[in-house]
Amino acid sequence: MNYNEQFKELFLQMKGEVAAIASTSSNRLATVQESYLLVGKYCELVKPADEFDSIQEEVEFFKKVRPGFEAELIYFGELYFILSSLPERRRDAIRFLQKQYSPLQVYCQRYQLLYEYWCLGRSGFDMDLFVRSDRNRTLMLTSPLPIGDAFTTPAGKVVARFRAYKELHGYLGKEISNLKNRKEKESHSFKWTATKAALVELAYALKASGAINNGNLSIREIAMHLERAFQQDLSQFYRTFQEIRIRKNSRTTFLDRLKEKLESWMDNTDLNSRGEG
């Protein structure tokens, strides 16, 4: 078996546990802290082989596998700072969150060439960047790369932060949007009374079916619309979806229940009725 396969399963397991933490607590700061500690324990398990079977396997580990775990650790660390520093007043909170974009942008500009290389999915310099060697400290630089360690290459550490900042950028956008629309949500008469996981399941079903805008909306846009419509915080929708994916029984529990309830309604509704009630 490819050395990296074990870590792909481990990553999904970690995501599932993080999603479980988010679903059992309403205290966001405590949830982030617990998630950070959990991810830290998983990161300790993700170590490179003494010798990989192939260069491709080594590249995959240092370019994708290890940075994936490190990115989650960085994300929750940054998120903890943001939540612990967030002002109480809505207007001040929005301004504070908007300022958090700047460090993310500066970091990506600092390593602009490597950032473009990563964003475009290029692989021409992978042998130099993601194989254990001193050579990758001198390539594609607008700023010196950080020092690597026993678990990753210098370029791998930068990629991990790119991934974390991309996720954080998405969080900031959602949180700012939520705060701006808080008054609208508070005055809305429709409330979602099923579970948050059920709403996420519905969002992905709408995306997969192309039922909205002929499928041209992203899952993020659909989630944001459902957030506003039903006064729900879906900022962690991706993690919730990961938990849904690894369900042992039916992965479409809510959709199955909808079908069952609708068919029962039809069976029990008089033919002369319009089905209202």
Protein backbone atom coordinates (compact mmCIF):
# COMPACT_ATOMS: atom_id res chain seq x y z
CA MET A 1 0.00 0.00 0.00
CA ASN A 2 1.17 3.52 -0.78
CA TYR A 3 2.68 5.05 2.36
CA ASN A 4 0.41 8.09 2.10
CA GLU A 5 -2.86 6.14 1.97
CA GLN A 6 -2.92 5.66 5.75
CA PHE A 7 -2.81 9.42 6.26
CA LYS A 8 -5.73 10.06 3.91
CA GLU A 9 -7.89 7.85 6.13
CA LEU A 10 -6.44 9.53 9.21
CA PHE A 11 -7.30 12.96 7.79
CA LEU A 12 -10.94 11.99 7.28
CA GLN A 13 -11.05 10.58 10.79
CA MET A 14 -9.66 13.83 12.18
CA LYS A 15 -12.21 15.87 10.21
CA GLY A 16 -15.00 13.73 11.56
CA GLU A 17 -13.89 14.23 15.15
CA VAL A 18 -13.56 17.98 14.63
CA ALA A 19 -17.08 18.07 13.19
CA ALA A 20 -18.33 16.13 16.20
CA ILE A 21 -16.80 18.69 18.54
CA ALA A 22 -18.48 21.55 16.66
CA SER A 23 -21.87 19.83 16.81
CA THR A 24 -21.83 19.29 20.58
CA SER A 25 -20.92 22.76 21.85
CA SER A 26 -22.38 26.23 21.39
CA ASN A 27 -19.27 27.91 22.81
CA ARG A 28 -17.26 28.73 19.71
CA LEU A 29 -14.04 29.61 21.53
CA ALA A 30 -14.08 26.39 23.54
CA THR A 31 -14.84 24.44 20.36
CA VAL A 32 -11.88 25.99 18.53
CA GLN A 33 -9.56 25.35 21.47
CA GLU A 34 -10.59 21.70 21.69
CA SER A 35 -10.27 21.31 17.92
CA TYR A 36 -6.77 22.83 17.99
CA LEU A 37 -5.60 20.40 20.66
CA LEU A 38 -7.13 17.47 18.79
CA VAL A 39 -5.51 18.40 15.48
CA GLY A 40 -2.19 18.84 17.28
CA LYS A 41 -2.34 15.23 18.43
CA TYR A 42 -3.06 14.06 14.90
CA CYS A 43 -0.16 16.09 13.53
CA GLU A 44 2.19 14.19 15.82
CA LEU A 45 1.20 10.99 13.99
CA VAL A 46 1.96 12.31 10.50
CA LYS A 47 5.64 11.59 10.01
CA PRO A 48 7.56 11.03 6.78
CA ALA A 49 8.98 7.62 6.00
CA ASP A 50 12.71 7.13 6.50
CA GLU A 51 12.81 6.13 2.85
CA PHE A 52 9.90 6.50 0.44
CA ASP A 53 9.28 3.91 -2.26
CA SER A 54 9.40 6.59 -4.94
CA ILE A 55 10.11 10.27 -5.50
CA GLN A 56 6.43 10.77 -6.38
CA GLU A 57 5.40 9.34 -3.02
CA GLU A 58 7.79 11.67 -1.21
CA VAL A 59 6.55 14.69 -3.17
CA GLU A 60 2.94 13.82 -2.34
CA PHE A 61 3.72 13.58 1.36
CA PHE A 62 5.55 16.91 1.62
CA LYS A 63 3.34 18.80 -0.86
CA LYS A 64 -0.13 17.55 0.14
CA VAL A 65 -0.29 15.13 3.06
CA ARG A 66 1.71 16.87 5.79
CA PRO A 67 0.61 20.43 4.78
CA GLY A 68 -3.03 19.28 4.97
CA PHE A 69 -2.71 18.43 8.65
CA GLU A 70 -0.54 21.44 9.47
CA ALA A 71 -3.01 23.75 7.73
CA GLU A 72 -5.78 22.64 10.10
CA LEU A 73 -3.55 23.34 13.10
CA ILE A 74 -2.65 26.80 11.81
CA TYR A 75 -6.30 27.53 10.97
CA PHE A 76 -7.58 26.76 14.45
CA GLY A 77 -4.69 28.65 16.05
CA GLU A 78 -5.48 31.77 14.03
CA LEU A 79 -9.21 31.33 14.59
CA TYR A 80 -8.70 31.14 18.35
CA PHE A 81 -6.93 34.52 18.29
CA ILE A 82 -9.70 36.07 16.19
CA LEU A 83 -12.54 34.80 18.35
CA SER A 84 -10.80 35.65 21.61
CA SER A 85 -10.15 39.21 20.38
CA LEU A 86 -13.50 39.85 18.69
CA PRO A 87 -15.23 43.03 19.96
CA GLU A 88 -18.77 42.67 21.26
CA ARG A 89 -20.34 45.53 19.28
CA ARG A 90 -21.44 44.43 15.82
CA ARG A 91 -19.91 47.39 13.99
CA ASP A 92 -16.58 47.03 15.82
CA ALA A 93 -16.57 43.28 15.19
CA ILE A 94 -17.04 43.81 11.46
CA ARG A 95 -14.15 46.30 11.33
CA PHE A 96 -11.91 43.96 13.33
CA LEU A 97 -12.65 41.03 11.03
CA GLN A 98 -12.04 43.11 7.92
CA LYS A 99 -8.57 44.02 9.26
CA GLN A 100 -7.70 40.32 9.55
CA TYR A 101 -7.52 40.01 5.77
CA SER A 102 -4.35 42.10 5.67
CA PRO A 103 -1.91 39.61 7.30
CA LEU A 104 -3.20 36.86 5.01
CA GLN A 105 -2.63 38.98 1.92
CA VAL A 106 0.83 40.09 3.07
CA TYR A 107 1.93 36.50 3.62
CA CYS A 108 0.80 35.40 0.17
CA GLN A 109 2.53 38.41 -1.40
CA ARG A 110 5.74 37.56 0.48
CA TYR A 111 5.83 34.19 -1.25
CA GLN A 112 4.06 35.30 -4.39
CA LEU A 113 5.86 33.03 -6.86
CA LEU A 114 5.35 29.96 -4.71
CA TYR A 115 1.75 31.03 -4.09
CA GLU A 116 1.07 31.22 -7.83
CA TYR A 117 2.82 27.87 -8.31
CA TRP A 118 0.54 26.30 -5.69
CA CYS A 119 -2.67 28.00 -6.86
CA LEU A 120 -2.12 26.96 -10.47
CA GLY A 121 -1.41 23.36 -9.48
CA ARG A 122 2.01 23.31 -11.13
CA SER A 123 4.51 20.51 -10.60
CA GLY A 124 7.62 21.44 -12.58
CA PHE A 125 9.68 22.30 -9.49
CA ASP A 126 8.25 19.64 -7.17
CA MET A 127 11.55 17.74 -7.08
CA ASP A 128 13.28 20.82 -5.71
CA LEU A 129 10.53 22.02 -3.38
CA PHE A 130 9.03 18.88 -1.88
CA VAL A 131 11.89 16.40 -1.61
CA ARG A 132 14.16 16.51 1.43
CA SER A 133 17.05 18.66 0.28
CA ASP A 134 18.76 21.97 1.01
CA ARG A 135 18.05 23.11 -2.57
CA ASN A 136 14.47 24.22 -1.93
CA ARG A 137 15.56 27.11 0.27
CA THR A 138 16.88 29.02 -2.71
CA LEU A 139 14.14 28.56 -5.31
CA MET A 140 11.31 30.87 -6.36
CA LEU A 141 11.95 33.38 -3.61
CA THR A 142 10.71 36.88 -2.95
CA SER A 143 11.39 36.19 0.75
CA PRO A 144 13.45 33.49 2.50
CA LEU A 145 11.59 30.27 3.13
CA PRO A 146 11.18 29.17 6.74
CA ILE A 147 13.45 26.49 8.13
CA GLY A 148 12.12 22.99 7.56
CA ASP A 149 11.94 20.36 10.28
CA ALA A 150 11.90 16.59 10.61
CA PHE A 151 8.31 16.46 9.36
CA THR A 152 8.27 18.81 6.40
CA THR A 153 10.26 20.80 3.85
CA PRO A 154 10.51 24.61 3.96
CA ALA A 155 8.20 24.92 0.96
CA GLY A 156 5.79 22.47 2.58
CA LYS A 157 5.49 24.73 5.62
CA VAL A 158 4.61 27.68 3.40
CA VAL A 159 2.01 25.63 1.49
CA ALA A 160 0.44 24.60 4.79
CA ARG A 161 -0.04 28.26 5.66
CA PHE A 162 -1.45 29.00 2.20
CA ARG A 163 -4.06 26.32 2.79
CA ALA A 164 -4.86 27.56 6.28
CA TYR A 165 -5.19 31.16 5.12
CA LYS A 166 -7.47 30.18 2.25
CA GLU A 167 -9.78 28.50 4.76
CA LEU A 168 -9.52 31.46 7.11
CA HIS A 169 -10.34 33.86 4.27
CA GLY A 170 -13.56 31.95 3.70
CA TYR A 171 -14.41 32.07 7.40
CA LEU A 172 -13.88 35.84 7.57
CA GLY A 173 -16.15 36.41 4.58
CA LYS A 174 -18.95 34.35 6.09
CA GLU A 175 -18.63 35.88 9.54
CA ILE A 176 -18.67 39.43 8.19
CA SER A 177 -21.70 38.60 6.05
CA ASN A 178 -23.46 37.08 9.06
CA LEU A 179 -22.84 40.18 11.16
CA LYS A 180 -24.02 42.51 8.42
CA ASN A 181 -27.22 40.53 8.04
CA ARG A 182 -27.85 39.98 11.76
CA LYS A 183 -30.74 42.46 11.93
CA GLU A 184 -32.42 40.84 8.95
CA LYS A 185 -32.04 37.43 10.59
CA GLU A 186 -33.40 38.61 13.91
CA SER A 187 -36.57 39.94 12.25
CA HIS A 188 -37.11 36.88 10.06
CA SER A 189 -40.08 34.74 11.03
CA PHE A 190 -38.81 31.47 9.53
CA LYS A 191 -36.63 29.33 11.78
CA TRP A 192 -34.90 26.07 10.98
CA THR A 193 -35.89 23.55 13.65
CA ALA A 194 -34.14 20.44 12.33
CA THR A 195 -30.44 19.81 13.00
CA LYS A 196 -27.68 21.87 11.46
CA ALA A 197 -26.33 18.70 9.82
CA ALA A 198 -29.72 18.26 8.12
CA LEU A 199 -29.45 21.77 6.63
CA VAL A 200 -25.95 21.04 5.37
CA GLU A 201 -27.23 17.80 3.83
CA LEU A 202 -29.95 19.79 2.06
CA ALA A 203 -27.43 22.37 0.82
CA TYR A 204 -25.23 19.73 -0.78
CA ALA A 205 -28.28 17.99 -2.28
CA LEU A 206 -29.35 21.28 -3.90
CA LYS A 207 -25.85 21.73 -5.28
CA ALA A 208 -25.52 18.16 -6.53
CA SER A 209 -28.95 18.24 -8.21
CA GLY A 210 -28.40 21.58 -9.95
CA ALA A 211 -31.78 22.69 -8.60
CA ILE A 212 -30.68 26.33 -8.10
CA ASN A 213 -29.46 28.52 -10.98
CA ASN A 214 -28.96 25.39 -13.11
CA GLY A 215 -26.18 24.29 -10.77
CA ASN A 216 -24.09 27.42 -11.32
CA LEU A 217 -24.01 28.46 -7.66
CA SER A 218 -21.15 27.20 -5.49
CA ILE A 219 -21.89 25.19 -2.37
CA ARG A 220 -20.56 28.15 -0.37
CA GLU A 221 -23.13 30.50 -1.95
CA ILE A 222 -25.95 28.04 -1.33
CA ALA A 223 -24.89 27.63 2.30
CA MET A 224 -24.79 31.41 2.79
CA HIS A 225 -28.33 31.76 1.39
CA LEU A 226 -29.62 29.05 3.70
CA GLU A 227 -27.82 30.73 6.62
CA ARG A 228 -29.69 33.96 5.98
CA ALA A 229 -33.01 32.25 5.32
CA PHE A 230 -33.04 30.06 8.40
CA GLN A 231 -30.87 31.95 10.91
CA GLN A 232 -28.28 29.19 11.13
CA ASP A 233 -24.49 29.42 11.43
CA LEU A 234 -23.13 27.23 8.63
CA SER A 235 -19.55 28.53 8.82
CA GLN A 236 -18.37 24.98 9.46
CA PHE A 237 -20.45 23.40 6.68
CA TYR A 238 -17.44 21.64 5.13
CA ARG A 239 -16.57 19.90 8.39
CA THR A 240 -20.19 18.94 8.92
CA PHE A 241 -20.25 17.46 5.41
CA GLN A 242 -17.15 15.39 6.20
CA GLU A 243 -18.98 13.97 9.21
CA ILE A 244 -21.98 13.18 7.01
CA ARG A 245 -19.77 11.39 4.49
CA ILE A 246 -18.42 8.92 7.05
CA ARG A 247 -21.77 7.99 8.58
CA LYS A 248 -21.93 4.23 9.10
CA ASN A 249 -25.55 3.82 8.03
CA SER A 250 -27.34 6.05 5.52
CA ARG A 251 -25.39 9.15 4.56
CA THR A 252 -28.60 10.92 3.52
CA THR A 253 -30.58 10.58 6.74
CA PHE A 254 -32.47 13.86 6.39
CA LEU A 255 -33.28 13.43 2.70
CA ASP A 256 -34.48 9.90 3.34
CA ARG A 257 -36.74 11.21 6.09
CA LEU A 258 -38.11 13.97 3.83
CA LYS A 259 -39.06 11.42 1.18
CA GLU A 260 -40.68 9.16 3.77
CA LYS A 261 -42.68 12.01 5.33
CA LEU A 262 -43.83 13.40 1.98
CA GLU A 263 -45.02 9.99 0.78
CA SER A 264 -46.85 9.49 4.08
CA TRP A 265 -48.46 12.93 3.71
CA MET A 266 -49.60 12.06 0.20
CA ASP A 267 -51.03 8.73 1.34
CA ASN A 268 -53.00 10.38 4.14
CA THR A 269 -54.25 13.38 2.18
CA ASP A 270 -57.72 13.26 0.67
CA LEU A 271 -57.72 13.44 -3.12
CA ASN A 272 -59.94 16.52 -3.02
CA SER A 273 -57.59 18.32 -0.68
CA ARG A 274 -54.86 20.69 -1.85
CA GLY A 275 -52.47 19.19 0.69
CA GLU A 276 -52.52 22.21 2.95
CA GLY A 277 -52.34 21.92 6.68
